[in-house]
mmCIF file of all heavy atoms, coordinates in Angstrom:
data_MODEL
# 
_entry.id   MODEL 
# 
loop_
_atom_site.group_PDB 
_atom_site.id 
_atom_site.type_symbol 
_atom_site.label_atom_id 
_atom_site.label_alt_id 
_atom_site.label_comp_id 
_atom_site.label_asym_id 
_atom_site.label_entity_id 
_atom_site.label_seq_id 
_atom_site.pdbx_PDB_ins_code 
_atom_site.Cartn_x 
_atom_site.Cartn_y 
_atom_site.Cartn_z 
_atom_site.occupancy 
_atom_site.B_iso_or_equiv 
_atom_site.pdbx_formal_charge 
_atom_site.auth_seq_id 
_atom_site.auth_comp_id 
_atom_site.auth_asym_id 
_atom_site.auth_atom_id 
_atom_site.pdbx_PDB_model_num 
ATOM 1   N N   . ASP A 1 1  ? -20.873 26.287 -9.134  1.00 0.00 ? 1  ASP A N   1 
ATOM 2   C CA  . ASP A 1 1  ? -21.103 27.707 -8.873  1.00 0.00 ? 1  ASP A CA  1 
ATOM 3   C C   . ASP A 1 1  ? -20.626 28.580 -10.029 1.00 0.00 ? 1  ASP A C   1 
ATOM 4   O O   . ASP A 1 1  ? -19.731 28.202 -10.787 1.00 0.00 ? 1  ASP A O   1 
ATOM 5   C CB  . ASP A 1 1  ? -20.405 28.128 -7.582  1.00 0.00 ? 1  ASP A CB  1 
ATOM 6   C CG  . ASP A 1 1  ? -21.063 27.518 -6.354  1.00 0.00 ? 1  ASP A CG  1 
ATOM 7   O OD1 . ASP A 1 1  ? -22.287 27.267 -6.401  1.00 0.00 ? 1  ASP A OD1 1 
ATOM 8   O OD2 . ASP A 1 1  ? -20.358 27.286 -5.357  1.00 0.00 ? 1  ASP A OD2 1 
ATOM 9   N N   . ASP A 1 2  ? -21.243 29.759 -10.132 1.00 0.00 ? 2  ASP A N   1 
ATOM 10  C CA  . ASP A 1 2  ? -20.871 30.712 -11.169 1.00 0.00 ? 2  ASP A CA  1 
ATOM 11  C C   . ASP A 1 2  ? -20.948 32.130 -10.606 1.00 0.00 ? 2  ASP A C   1 
ATOM 12  O O   . ASP A 1 2  ? -21.288 32.329 -9.436  1.00 0.00 ? 2  ASP A O   1 
ATOM 13  C CB  . ASP A 1 2  ? -21.762 30.561 -12.403 1.00 0.00 ? 2  ASP A CB  1 
ATOM 14  C CG  . ASP A 1 2  ? -23.249 30.727 -12.104 1.00 0.00 ? 2  ASP A CG  1 
ATOM 15  O OD1 . ASP A 1 2  ? -23.611 31.276 -11.040 1.00 0.00 ? 2  ASP A OD1 1 
ATOM 16  O OD2 . ASP A 1 2  ? -24.057 30.304 -12.940 1.00 0.00 ? 2  ASP A OD2 1 
ATOM 17  N N   . ALA A 1 3  ? -20.653 33.123 -11.450 1.00 0.00 ? 3  ALA A N   1 
ATOM 18  C CA  . ALA A 1 3  ? -20.632 34.518 -11.018 1.00 0.00 ? 3  ALA A CA  1 
ATOM 19  C C   . ALA A 1 3  ? -22.001 34.979 -10.520 1.00 0.00 ? 3  ALA A C   1 
ATOM 20  O O   . ALA A 1 3  ? -22.087 35.778 -9.585  1.00 0.00 ? 3  ALA A O   1 
ATOM 21  C CB  . ALA A 1 3  ? -20.131 35.407 -12.148 1.00 0.00 ? 3  ALA A CB  1 
ATOM 22  N N   . ALA A 1 4  ? -23.064 34.481 -11.135 1.00 0.00 ? 4  ALA A N   1 
ATOM 23  C CA  . ALA A 1 4  ? -24.405 34.856 -10.694 1.00 0.00 ? 4  ALA A CA  1 
ATOM 24  C C   . ALA A 1 4  ? -24.661 34.384 -9.260  1.00 0.00 ? 4  ALA A C   1 
ATOM 25  O O   . ALA A 1 4  ? -25.270 35.102 -8.455  1.00 0.00 ? 4  ALA A O   1 
ATOM 26  C CB  . ALA A 1 4  ? -25.456 34.282 -11.639 1.00 0.00 ? 4  ALA A CB  1 
ATOM 27  N N   . ALA A 1 5  ? -24.185 33.194 -8.929  1.00 0.00 ? 5  ALA A N   1 
ATOM 28  C CA  . ALA A 1 5  ? -24.345 32.673 -7.570  1.00 0.00 ? 5  ALA A CA  1 
ATOM 29  C C   . ALA A 1 5  ? -23.556 33.527 -6.580  1.00 0.00 ? 5  ALA A C   1 
ATOM 30  O O   . ALA A 1 5  ? -24.038 33.817 -5.480  1.00 0.00 ? 5  ALA A O   1 
ATOM 31  C CB  . ALA A 1 5  ? -23.885 31.220 -7.503  1.00 0.00 ? 5  ALA A CB  1 
ATOM 32  N N   . ALA A 1 6  ? -22.353 33.941 -6.965  1.00 0.00 ? 6  ALA A N   1 
ATOM 33  C CA  . ALA A 1 6  ? -21.526 34.779 -6.099  1.00 0.00 ? 6  ALA A CA  1 
ATOM 34  C C   . ALA A 1 6  ? -22.215 36.116 -5.829  1.00 0.00 ? 6  ALA A C   1 
ATOM 35  O O   . ALA A 1 6  ? -22.260 36.592 -4.687  1.00 0.00 ? 6  ALA A O   1 
ATOM 36  C CB  . ALA A 1 6  ? -20.153 34.990 -6.728  1.00 0.00 ? 6  ALA A CB  1 
ATOM 37  N N   . GLU A 1 7  ? -22.766 36.713 -6.873  1.00 0.00 ? 7  GLU A N   1 
ATOM 38  C CA  . GLU A 1 7  ? -23.454 38.000 -6.725  1.00 0.00 ? 7  GLU A CA  1 
ATOM 39  C C   . GLU A 1 7  ? -24.705 37.857 -5.857  1.00 0.00 ? 7  GLU A C   1 
ATOM 40  O O   . GLU A 1 7  ? -24.974 38.678 -4.979  1.00 0.00 ? 7  GLU A O   1 
ATOM 41  C CB  . GLU A 1 7  ? -23.818 38.552 -8.099  1.00 0.00 ? 7  GLU A CB  1 
ATOM 42  C CG  . GLU A 1 7  ? -24.444 39.925 -8.049  1.00 0.00 ? 7  GLU A CG  1 
ATOM 43  C CD  . GLU A 1 7  ? -24.721 40.489 -9.414  1.00 0.00 ? 7  GLU A CD  1 
ATOM 44  O OE1 . GLU A 1 7  ? -24.383 39.865 -10.438 1.00 0.00 ? 7  GLU A OE1 1 
ATOM 45  O OE2 . GLU A 1 7  ? -25.310 41.596 -9.475  1.00 0.00 ? 7  GLU A OE2 1 
ATOM 46  N N   . ARG A 1 8  ? -25.469 36.804 -6.104  1.00 0.00 ? 8  ARG A N   1 
ATOM 47  C CA  . ARG A 1 8  ? -26.690 36.551 -5.337  1.00 0.00 ? 8  ARG A CA  1 
ATOM 48  C C   . ARG A 1 8  ? -26.373 36.337 -3.853  1.00 0.00 ? 8  ARG A C   1 
ATOM 49  O O   . ARG A 1 8  ? -27.021 36.917 -2.975  1.00 0.00 ? 8  ARG A O   1 
ATOM 50  C CB  . ARG A 1 8  ? -27.414 35.333 -5.923  1.00 0.00 ? 8  ARG A CB  1 
ATOM 51  C CG  . ARG A 1 8  ? -28.773 35.049 -5.349  1.00 0.00 ? 8  ARG A CG  1 
ATOM 52  C CD  . ARG A 1 8  ? -29.525 33.955 -6.112  1.00 0.00 ? 8  ARG A CD  1 
ATOM 53  N NE  . ARG A 1 8  ? -28.771 32.722 -6.303  1.00 0.00 ? 8  ARG A NE  1 
ATOM 54  C CZ  . ARG A 1 8  ? -28.237 32.323 -7.467  1.00 0.00 ? 8  ARG A CZ  1 
ATOM 55  N NH1 . ARG A 1 8  ? -28.376 33.052 -8.556  1.00 0.00 ? 8  ARG A NH1 1 
ATOM 56  N NH2 . ARG A 1 8  ? -27.576 31.183 -7.547  1.00 0.00 ? 8  ARG A NH2 1 
ATOM 57  N N   . LEU A 1 9  ? -25.353 35.533 -3.564  1.00 0.00 ? 9  LEU A N   1 
ATOM 58  C CA  . LEU A 1 9  ? -24.989 35.254 -2.179  1.00 0.00 ? 9  LEU A CA  1 
ATOM 59  C C   . LEU A 1 9  ? -24.440 36.511 -1.500  1.00 0.00 ? 9  LEU A C   1 
ATOM 60  O O   . LEU A 1 9  ? -24.744 36.770 -0.331  1.00 0.00 ? 9  LEU A O   1 
ATOM 61  C CB  . LEU A 1 9  ? -23.978 34.106 -2.110  1.00 0.00 ? 9  LEU A CB  1 
ATOM 62  C CG  . LEU A 1 9  ? -23.636 33.608 -0.713  1.00 0.00 ? 9  LEU A CG  1 
ATOM 63  C CD1 . LEU A 1 9  ? -24.885 33.127 0.029   1.00 0.00 ? 9  LEU A CD1 1 
ATOM 64  C CD2 . LEU A 1 9  ? -22.608 32.487 -0.785  1.00 0.00 ? 9  LEU A CD2 1 
ATOM 65  N N   . ALA A 1 10 ? -23.680 37.316 -2.214  1.00 0.00 ? 10 ALA A N   1 
ATOM 66  C CA  . ALA A 1 10 ? -23.168 38.568 -1.648  1.00 0.00 ? 10 ALA A CA  1 
ATOM 67  C C   . ALA A 1 10 ? -24.324 39.475 -1.241  1.00 0.00 ? 10 ALA A C   1 
ATOM 68  O O   . ALA A 1 10 ? -24.301 40.096 -0.165  1.00 0.00 ? 10 ALA A O   1 
ATOM 69  C CB  . ALA A 1 10 ? -22.254 39.265 -2.651  1.00 0.00 ? 10 ALA A CB  1 
ATOM 70  N N   . GLY A 1 11 ? -25.349 39.540 -2.074  1.00 0.00 ? 11 GLY A N   1 
ATOM 71  C CA  . GLY A 1 11 ? -26.513 40.343 -1.744  1.00 0.00 ? 11 GLY A CA  1 
ATOM 72  C C   . GLY A 1 11 ? -27.227 39.842 -0.502  1.00 0.00 ? 11 GLY A C   1 
ATOM 73  O O   . GLY A 1 11 ? -27.658 40.629 0.351   1.00 0.00 ? 11 GLY A O   1 
ATOM 74  N N   . ARG A 1 12 ? -27.335 38.542 -0.377  1.00 0.00 ? 12 ARG A N   1 
ATOM 75  C CA  . ARG A 1 12 ? -27.981 37.959 0.802   1.00 0.00 ? 12 ARG A CA  1 
ATOM 76  C C   . ARG A 1 12 ? -27.173 38.253 2.065   1.00 0.00 ? 12 ARG A C   1 
ATOM 77  O O   . ARG A 1 12 ? -27.749 38.563 3.118   1.00 0.00 ? 12 ARG A O   1 
ATOM 78  C CB  . ARG A 1 12 ? -28.150 36.447 0.623   1.00 0.00 ? 12 ARG A CB  1 
ATOM 79  C CG  . ARG A 1 12 ? -29.186 36.113 -0.457  1.00 0.00 ? 12 ARG A CG  1 
ATOM 80  C CD  . ARG A 1 12 ? -29.469 34.636 -0.554  1.00 0.00 ? 12 ARG A CD  1 
ATOM 81  N NE  . ARG A 1 12 ? -30.138 34.175 0.665   1.00 0.00 ? 12 ARG A NE  1 
ATOM 82  C CZ  . ARG A 1 12 ? -30.123 32.926 1.099   1.00 0.00 ? 12 ARG A CZ  1 
ATOM 83  N NH1 . ARG A 1 12 ? -29.473 31.997 0.414   1.00 0.00 ? 12 ARG A NH1 1 
ATOM 84  N NH2 . ARG A 1 12 ? -30.752 32.573 2.196   1.00 0.00 ? 12 ARG A NH2 1 
ATOM 85  N N   . VAL A 1 13 ? -25.846 38.149 1.970   1.00 0.00 ? 13 VAL A N   1 
ATOM 86  C CA  . VAL A 1 13 ? -24.998 38.433 3.127   1.00 0.00 ? 13 VAL A CA  1 
ATOM 87  C C   . VAL A 1 13 ? -25.121 39.907 3.518   1.00 0.00 ? 13 VAL A C   1 
ATOM 88  O O   . VAL A 1 13 ? -25.295 40.240 4.695   1.00 0.00 ? 13 VAL A O   1 
ATOM 89  C CB  . VAL A 1 13 ? -23.525 38.059 2.839   1.00 0.00 ? 13 VAL A CB  1 
ATOM 90  C CG1 . VAL A 1 13 ? -22.587 38.634 3.900   1.00 0.00 ? 13 VAL A CG1 1 
ATOM 91  C CG2 . VAL A 1 13 ? -23.374 36.541 2.750   1.00 0.00 ? 13 VAL A CG2 1 
ATOM 92  N N   . ALA A 1 14 ? -25.031 40.797 2.547   1.00 0.00 ? 14 ALA A N   1 
ATOM 93  C CA  . ALA A 1 14 ? -25.085 42.233 2.830   1.00 0.00 ? 14 ALA A CA  1 
ATOM 94  C C   . ALA A 1 14 ? -26.411 42.646 3.461   1.00 0.00 ? 14 ALA A C   1 
ATOM 95  O O   . ALA A 1 14 ? -26.451 43.554 4.301   1.00 0.00 ? 14 ALA A O   1 
ATOM 96  C CB  . ALA A 1 14 ? -24.847 43.023 1.546   1.00 0.00 ? 14 ALA A CB  1 
ATOM 97  N N   . ARG A 1 15 ? -27.509 41.980 3.075   1.00 0.00 ? 15 ARG A N   1 
ATOM 98  C CA  . ARG A 1 15 ? -28.838 42.364 3.557   1.00 0.00 ? 15 ARG A CA  1 
ATOM 99  C C   . ARG A 1 15 ? -29.367 41.486 4.700   1.00 0.00 ? 15 ARG A C   1 
ATOM 100 O O   . ARG A 1 15 ? -30.483 41.702 5.189   1.00 0.00 ? 15 ARG A O   1 
ATOM 101 C CB  . ARG A 1 15 ? -29.820 42.348 2.391   1.00 0.00 ? 15 ARG A CB  1 
ATOM 102 C CG  . ARG A 1 15 ? -29.545 43.457 1.387   1.00 0.00 ? 15 ARG A CG  1 
ATOM 103 C CD  . ARG A 1 15 ? -30.581 43.519 0.288   1.00 0.00 ? 15 ARG A CD  1 
ATOM 104 N NE  . ARG A 1 15 ? -30.344 42.567 -0.789  1.00 0.00 ? 15 ARG A NE  1 
ATOM 105 C CZ  . ARG A 1 15 ? -29.513 42.775 -1.812  1.00 0.00 ? 15 ARG A CZ  1 
ATOM 106 N NH1 . ARG A 1 15 ? -28.829 43.885 -1.887  1.00 0.00 ? 15 ARG A NH1 1 
ATOM 107 N NH2 . ARG A 1 15 ? -29.365 41.856 -2.750  1.00 0.00 ? 15 ARG A NH2 1 
ATOM 108 N N   . LEU A 1 16 ? -28.561 40.507 5.134   1.00 0.00 ? 16 LEU A N   1 
ATOM 109 C CA  . LEU A 1 16 ? -28.975 39.603 6.210   1.00 0.00 ? 16 LEU A CA  1 
ATOM 110 C C   . LEU A 1 16 ? -29.176 40.396 7.504   1.00 0.00 ? 16 LEU A C   1 
ATOM 111 O O   . LEU A 1 16 ? -28.249 41.025 8.014   1.00 0.00 ? 16 LEU A O   1 
ATOM 112 C CB  . LEU A 1 16 ? -27.903 38.516 6.409   1.00 0.00 ? 16 LEU A CB  1 
ATOM 113 C CG  . LEU A 1 16 ? -28.206 37.431 7.423   1.00 0.00 ? 16 LEU A CG  1 
ATOM 114 C CD1 . LEU A 1 16 ? -29.407 36.593 6.986   1.00 0.00 ? 16 LEU A CD1 1 
ATOM 115 C CD2 . LEU A 1 16 ? -26.980 36.545 7.592   1.00 0.00 ? 16 LEU A CD2 1 
ATOM 116 N N   . ARG A 1 17 ? -30.387 40.347 8.024   1.00 0.00 ? 17 ARG A N   1 
ATOM 117 C CA  . ARG A 1 17 ? -30.723 41.160 9.199   1.00 0.00 ? 17 ARG A CA  1 
ATOM 118 C C   . ARG A 1 17 ? -30.492 40.351 10.478  1.00 0.00 ? 17 ARG A C   1 
ATOM 119 O O   . ARG A 1 17 ? -31.418 39.744 11.024  1.00 0.00 ? 17 ARG A O   1 
ATOM 120 C CB  . ARG A 1 17 ? -32.162 41.645 9.098   1.00 0.00 ? 17 ARG A CB  1 
ATOM 121 C CG  . ARG A 1 17 ? -32.337 42.548 7.902   1.00 0.00 ? 17 ARG A CG  1 
ATOM 122 C CD  . ARG A 1 17 ? -33.703 43.150 7.748   1.00 0.00 ? 17 ARG A CD  1 
ATOM 123 N NE  . ARG A 1 17 ? -34.802 42.390 8.314   1.00 0.00 ? 17 ARG A NE  1 
ATOM 124 C CZ  . ARG A 1 17 ? -36.059 42.785 8.308   1.00 0.00 ? 17 ARG A CZ  1 
ATOM 125 N NH1 . ARG A 1 17 ? -36.376 43.927 7.769   1.00 0.00 ? 17 ARG A NH1 1 
ATOM 126 N NH2 . ARG A 1 17 ? -36.997 42.026 8.829   1.00 0.00 ? 17 ARG A NH2 1 
ATOM 127 N N   . ILE A 1 18 ? -29.246 40.379 10.956  1.00 0.00 ? 18 ILE A N   1 
ATOM 128 C CA  . ILE A 1 18 ? -28.892 39.655 12.180  1.00 0.00 ? 18 ILE A CA  1 
ATOM 129 C C   . ILE A 1 18 ? -28.269 40.576 13.230  1.00 0.00 ? 18 ILE A C   1 
ATOM 130 O O   . ILE A 1 18 ? -27.682 40.108 14.198  1.00 0.00 ? 18 ILE A O   1 
ATOM 131 C CB  . ILE A 1 18 ? -27.981 38.444 11.906  1.00 0.00 ? 18 ILE A CB  1 
ATOM 132 C CG1 . ILE A 1 18 ? -26.687 38.838 11.229  1.00 0.00 ? 18 ILE A CG1 1 
ATOM 133 C CG2 . ILE A 1 18 ? -28.732 37.382 11.112  1.00 0.00 ? 18 ILE A CG2 1 
ATOM 134 C CD1 . ILE A 1 18 ? -25.687 37.694 11.104  1.00 0.00 ? 18 ILE A CD1 1 
ATOM 135 N N   . PHE A 1 19 ? -28.437 41.893 13.025  1.00 0.00 ? 19 PHE A N   1 
ATOM 136 C CA  . PHE A 1 19 ? -27.999 42.864 14.035  1.00 0.00 ? 19 PHE A CA  1 
ATOM 137 C C   . PHE A 1 19 ? -29.246 43.435 14.685  1.00 0.00 ? 19 PHE A C   1 
ATOM 138 O O   . PHE A 1 19 ? -30.267 43.648 14.038  1.00 0.00 ? 19 PHE A O   1 
ATOM 139 C CB  . PHE A 1 19 ? -27.152 43.971 13.393  1.00 0.00 ? 19 PHE A CB  1 
ATOM 140 C CG  . PHE A 1 19 ? -25.854 43.477 12.866  1.00 0.00 ? 19 PHE A CG  1 
ATOM 141 C CD1 . PHE A 1 19 ? -25.745 43.045 11.550  1.00 0.00 ? 19 PHE A CD1 1 
ATOM 142 C CD2 . PHE A 1 19 ? -24.733 43.416 13.675  1.00 0.00 ? 19 PHE A CD2 1 
ATOM 143 C CE1 . PHE A 1 19 ? -24.556 42.560 11.047  1.00 0.00 ? 19 PHE A CE1 1 
ATOM 144 C CE2 . PHE A 1 19 ? -23.525 42.937 13.184  1.00 0.00 ? 19 PHE A CE2 1 
ATOM 145 C CZ  . PHE A 1 19 ? -23.436 42.505 11.868  1.00 0.00 ? 19 PHE A CZ  1 
ATOM 146 N N   . GLU A 1 20 ? -29.143 43.702 15.972  1.00 0.00 ? 20 GLU A N   1 
ATOM 147 C CA  . GLU A 1 20 ? -30.306 44.117 16.742  1.00 0.00 ? 20 GLU A CA  1 
ATOM 148 C C   . GLU A 1 20 ? -30.630 45.597 16.566  1.00 0.00 ? 20 GLU A C   1 
ATOM 149 O O   . GLU A 1 20 ? -29.726 46.429 16.475  1.00 0.00 ? 20 GLU A O   1 
ATOM 150 C CB  . GLU A 1 20 ? -30.072 43.808 18.219  1.00 0.00 ? 20 GLU A CB  1 
ATOM 151 C CG  . GLU A 1 20 ? -29.930 42.318 18.465  1.00 0.00 ? 20 GLU A CG  1 
ATOM 152 C CD  . GLU A 1 20 ? -29.262 41.981 19.786  1.00 0.00 ? 20 GLU A CD  1 
ATOM 153 O OE1 . GLU A 1 20 ? -28.637 42.868 20.396  1.00 0.00 ? 20 GLU A OE1 1 
ATOM 154 O OE2 . GLU A 1 20 ? -29.356 40.818 20.186  1.00 0.00 ? 20 GLU A OE2 1 
ATOM 155 N N   . ASN A 1 21 ? -31.943 45.893 16.565  1.00 0.00 ? 21 ASN A N   1 
ATOM 156 C CA  . ASN A 1 21 ? -32.393 47.283 16.581  1.00 0.00 ? 21 ASN A CA  1 
ATOM 157 C C   . ASN A 1 21 ? -32.480 47.739 18.034  1.00 0.00 ? 21 ASN A C   1 
ATOM 158 O O   . ASN A 1 21 ? -32.075 47.009 18.951  1.00 0.00 ? 21 ASN A O   1 
ATOM 159 C CB  . ASN A 1 21 ? -33.716 47.442 15.825  1.00 0.00 ? 21 ASN A CB  1 
ATOM 160 C CG  . ASN A 1 21 ? -34.856 46.661 16.471  1.00 0.00 ? 21 ASN A CG  1 
ATOM 161 O OD1 . ASN A 1 21 ? -34.809 46.252 17.635  1.00 0.00 ? 21 ASN A OD1 1 
ATOM 162 N ND2 . ASN A 1 21 ? -35.918 46.452 15.705  1.00 0.00 ? 21 ASN A ND2 1 
ATOM 163 N N   . ASP A 1 22 ? -33.049 48.906 18.261  1.00 0.00 ? 22 ASP A N   1 
ATOM 164 C CA  . ASP A 1 22 ? -33.144 49.451 19.617  1.00 0.00 ? 22 ASP A CA  1 
ATOM 165 C C   . ASP A 1 22 ? -34.023 48.616 20.543  1.00 0.00 ? 22 ASP A C   1 
ATOM 166 O O   . ASP A 1 22 ? -33.905 48.700 21.764  1.00 0.00 ? 22 ASP A O   1 
ATOM 167 C CB  . ASP A 1 22 ? -33.671 50.889 19.569  1.00 0.00 ? 22 ASP A CB  1 
ATOM 168 C CG  . ASP A 1 22 ? -32.686 51.832 18.896  1.00 0.00 ? 22 ASP A CG  1 
ATOM 169 O OD1 . ASP A 1 22 ? -31.482 51.516 18.867  1.00 0.00 ? 22 ASP A OD1 1 
ATOM 170 O OD2 . ASP A 1 22 ? -33.134 52.882 18.399  1.00 0.00 ? 22 ASP A OD2 1 
ATOM 171 N N   . GLN A 1 23 ? -34.911 47.804 19.964  1.00 0.00 ? 23 GLN A N   1 
ATOM 172 C CA  . GLN A 1 23 ? -35.778 46.938 20.763  1.00 0.00 ? 23 GLN A CA  1 
ATOM 173 C C   . GLN A 1 23 ? -35.191 45.538 20.949  1.00 0.00 ? 23 GLN A C   1 
ATOM 174 O O   . GLN A 1 23 ? -35.827 44.659 21.512  1.00 0.00 ? 23 GLN A O   1 
ATOM 175 C CB  . GLN A 1 23 ? -37.167 46.814 20.112  1.00 0.00 ? 23 GLN A CB  1 
ATOM 176 C CG  . GLN A 1 23 ? -37.987 48.093 20.138  1.00 0.00 ? 23 GLN A CG  1 
ATOM 177 C CD  . GLN A 1 23 ? -37.519 49.105 19.104  1.00 0.00 ? 23 GLN A CD  1 
ATOM 178 O OE1 . GLN A 1 23 ? -37.197 48.732 17.986  1.00 0.00 ? 23 GLN A OE1 1 
ATOM 179 N NE2 . GLN A 1 23 ? -37.460 50.369 19.495  1.00 0.00 ? 23 GLN A NE2 1 
ATOM 180 N N   . GLY A 1 24 ? -33.974 45.319 20.476  1.00 0.00 ? 24 GLY A N   1 
ATOM 181 C CA  . GLY A 1 24 ? -33.324 44.027 20.650  1.00 0.00 ? 24 GLY A CA  1 
ATOM 182 C C   . GLY A 1 24 ? -33.735 42.977 19.634  1.00 0.00 ? 24 GLY A C   1 
ATOM 183 O O   . GLY A 1 24 ? -33.414 41.802 19.793  1.00 0.00 ? 24 GLY A O   1 
ATOM 184 N N   . LYS A 1 25 ? -34.445 43.371 18.585  1.00 0.00 ? 25 LYS A N   1 
ATOM 185 C CA  . LYS A 1 25 ? -34.888 42.436 17.542  1.00 0.00 ? 25 LYS A CA  1 
ATOM 186 C C   . LYS A 1 25 ? -33.894 42.430 16.390  1.00 0.00 ? 25 LYS A C   1 
ATOM 187 O O   . LYS A 1 25 ? -33.318 43.462 16.047  1.00 0.00 ? 25 LYS A O   1 
ATOM 188 C CB  . LYS A 1 25 ? -36.268 42.855 16.991  1.00 0.00 ? 25 LYS A CB  1 
ATOM 189 C CG  . LYS A 1 25 ? -37.340 42.970 18.035  1.00 0.00 ? 25 LYS A CG  1 
ATOM 190 C CD  . LYS A 1 25 ? -37.780 41.635 18.508  1.00 0.00 ? 25 LYS A CD  1 
ATOM 191 C CE  . LYS A 1 25 ? -38.939 41.809 19.502  1.00 0.00 ? 25 LYS A CE  1 
ATOM 192 N NZ  . LYS A 1 25 ? -39.192 40.637 20.247  1.00 0.00 ? 25 LYS A NZ  1 
ATOM 193 N N   . PHE A 1 26 ? -33.714 41.273 15.760  1.00 0.00 ? 26 PHE A N   1 
ATOM 194 C CA  . PHE A 1 26 ? -32.865 41.178 14.570  1.00 0.00 ? 26 PHE A CA  1 
ATOM 195 C C   . PHE A 1 26 ? -33.557 41.942 13.439  1.00 0.00 ? 26 PHE A C   1 
ATOM 196 O O   . PHE A 1 26 ? -34.502 41.429 12.839  1.00 0.00 ? 26 PHE A O   1 
ATOM 197 C CB  . PHE A 1 26 ? -32.672 39.725 14.159  1.00 0.00 ? 26 PHE A CB  1 
ATOM 198 C CG  . PHE A 1 26 ? -31.682 38.962 14.992  1.00 0.00 ? 26 PHE A CG  1 
ATOM 199 C CD1 . PHE A 1 26 ? -31.057 39.513 16.087  1.00 0.00 ? 26 PHE A CD1 1 
ATOM 200 C CD2 . PHE A 1 26 ? -31.370 37.658 14.652  1.00 0.00 ? 26 PHE A CD2 1 
ATOM 201 C CE1 . PHE A 1 26 ? -30.140 38.789 16.834  1.00 0.00 ? 26 PHE A CE1 1 
ATOM 202 C CE2 . PHE A 1 26 ? -30.459 36.919 15.389  1.00 0.00 ? 26 PHE A CE2 1 
ATOM 203 C CZ  . PHE A 1 26 ? -29.850 37.499 16.488  1.00 0.00 ? 26 PHE A CZ  1 
ATOM 204 N N   . ASP A 1 27 ? -33.099 43.138 13.176  1.00 0.00 ? 27 ASP A N   1 
ATOM 205 C CA  . ASP A 1 27 ? -33.759 43.974 12.179  1.00 0.00 ? 27 ASP A CA  1 
ATOM 206 C C   . ASP A 1 27 ? -32.784 44.823 11.370  1.00 0.00 ? 27 ASP A C   1 
ATOM 207 O O   . ASP A 1 27 ? -33.196 45.621 10.555  1.00 0.00 ? 27 ASP A O   1 
ATOM 208 C CB  . ASP A 1 27 ? -34.788 44.878 12.875  1.00 0.00 ? 27 ASP A CB  1 
ATOM 209 C CG  . ASP A 1 27 ? -35.749 45.505 11.902  1.00 0.00 ? 27 ASP A CG  1 
ATOM 210 O OD1 . ASP A 1 27 ? -36.146 44.822 10.938  1.00 0.00 ? 27 ASP A OD1 1 
ATOM 211 O OD2 . ASP A 1 27 ? -36.081 46.688 12.091  1.00 0.00 ? 27 ASP A OD2 1 
ATOM 212 N N   . ARG A 1 28 ? -31.487 44.658 11.591  1.00 0.00 ? 28 ARG A N   1 
ATOM 213 C CA  . ARG A 1 28 ? -30.501 45.486 10.898  1.00 0.00 ? 28 ARG A CA  1 
ATOM 214 C C   . ARG A 1 28 ? -29.473 44.605 10.201  1.00 0.00 ? 28 ARG A C   1 
ATOM 215 O O   . ARG A 1 28 ? -29.098 43.550 10.707  1.00 0.00 ? 28 ARG A O   1 
ATOM 216 C CB  . ARG A 1 28 ? -29.801 46.411 11.905  1.00 0.00 ? 28 ARG A CB  1 
ATOM 217 C CG  . ARG A 1 28 ? -30.798 47.328 12.619  1.00 0.00 ? 28 ARG A CG  1 
ATOM 218 C CD  . ARG A 1 28 ? -30.136 48.251 13.601  1.00 0.00 ? 28 ARG A CD  1 
ATOM 219 N NE  . ARG A 1 28 ? -29.390 49.249 12.846  1.00 0.00 ? 28 ARG A NE  1 
ATOM 220 C CZ  . ARG A 1 28 ? -28.278 49.815 13.281  1.00 0.00 ? 28 ARG A CZ  1 
ATOM 221 N NH1 . ARG A 1 28 ? -27.771 49.491 14.451  1.00 0.00 ? 28 ARG A NH1 1 
ATOM 222 N NH2 . ARG A 1 28 ? -27.661 50.710 12.546  1.00 0.00 ? 28 ARG A NH2 1 
ATOM 223 N N   . SER A 1 29 ? -29.030 45.071 9.051   1.00 0.00 ? 29 SER A N   1 
ATOM 224 C CA  . SER A 1 29 ? -28.013 44.355 8.279   1.00 0.00 ? 29 SER A CA  1 
ATOM 225 C C   . SER A 1 29 ? -26.647 45.009 8.498   1.00 0.00 ? 29 SER A C   1 
ATOM 226 O O   . SER A 1 29 ? -26.546 46.088 9.102   1.00 0.00 ? 29 SER A O   1 
ATOM 227 C CB  . SER A 1 29 ? -28.361 44.407 6.785   1.00 0.00 ? 29 SER A CB  1 
ATOM 228 O OG  . SER A 1 29 ? -28.203 45.733 6.304   1.00 0.00 ? 29 SER A OG  1 
ATOM 229 N N   . VAL A 1 30 ? -25.618 44.392 7.967   1.00 0.00 ? 30 VAL A N   1 
ATOM 230 C CA  . VAL A 1 30 ? -24.286 44.978 8.044   1.00 0.00 ? 30 VAL A CA  1 
ATOM 231 C C   . VAL A 1 30 ? -24.260 46.310 7.293   1.00 0.00 ? 30 VAL A C   1 
ATOM 232 O O   . VAL A 1 30 ? -23.534 47.231 7.674   1.00 0.00 ? 30 VAL A O   1 
ATOM 233 C CB  . VAL A 1 30 ? -23.202 43.977 7.540   1.00 0.00 ? 30 VAL A CB  1 
ATOM 234 C CG1 . VAL A 1 30 ? -23.270 43.780 6.034   1.00 0.00 ? 30 VAL A CG1 1 
ATOM 235 C CG2 . VAL A 1 30 ? -21.819 44.381 7.980   1.00 0.00 ? 30 VAL A CG2 1 
ATOM 236 N N   . LEU A 1 31 ? -25.068 46.434 6.240   1.00 0.00 ? 31 LEU A N   1 
ATOM 237 C CA  . LEU A 1 31 ? -25.189 47.710 5.528   1.00 0.00 ? 31 LEU A CA  1 
ATOM 238 C C   . LEU A 1 31 ? -25.811 48.769 6.424   1.00 0.00 ? 31 LEU A C   1 
ATOM 239 O O   . LEU A 1 31 ? -25.332 49.910 6.469   1.00 0.00 ? 31 LEU A O   1 
ATOM 240 C CB  . LEU A 1 31 ? -26.042 47.545 4.272   1.00 0.00 ? 31 LEU A CB  1 
ATOM 241 C CG  . LEU A 1 31 ? -25.419 46.818 3.096   1.00 0.00 ? 31 LEU A CG  1 
ATOM 242 C CD1 . LEU A 1 31 ? -26.475 46.504 2.045   1.00 0.00 ? 31 LEU A CD1 1 
ATOM 243 C CD2 . LEU A 1 31 ? -24.278 47.643 2.508   1.00 0.00 ? 31 LEU A CD2 1 
# 
């Protein structure tokens, strides 16, 4: 692993849409 991998994975975590919207669908990220 290197710094580029850390940055890439951080972006994926921040944008991972596993929070529900008003319709109960996974459509929201931690951001």
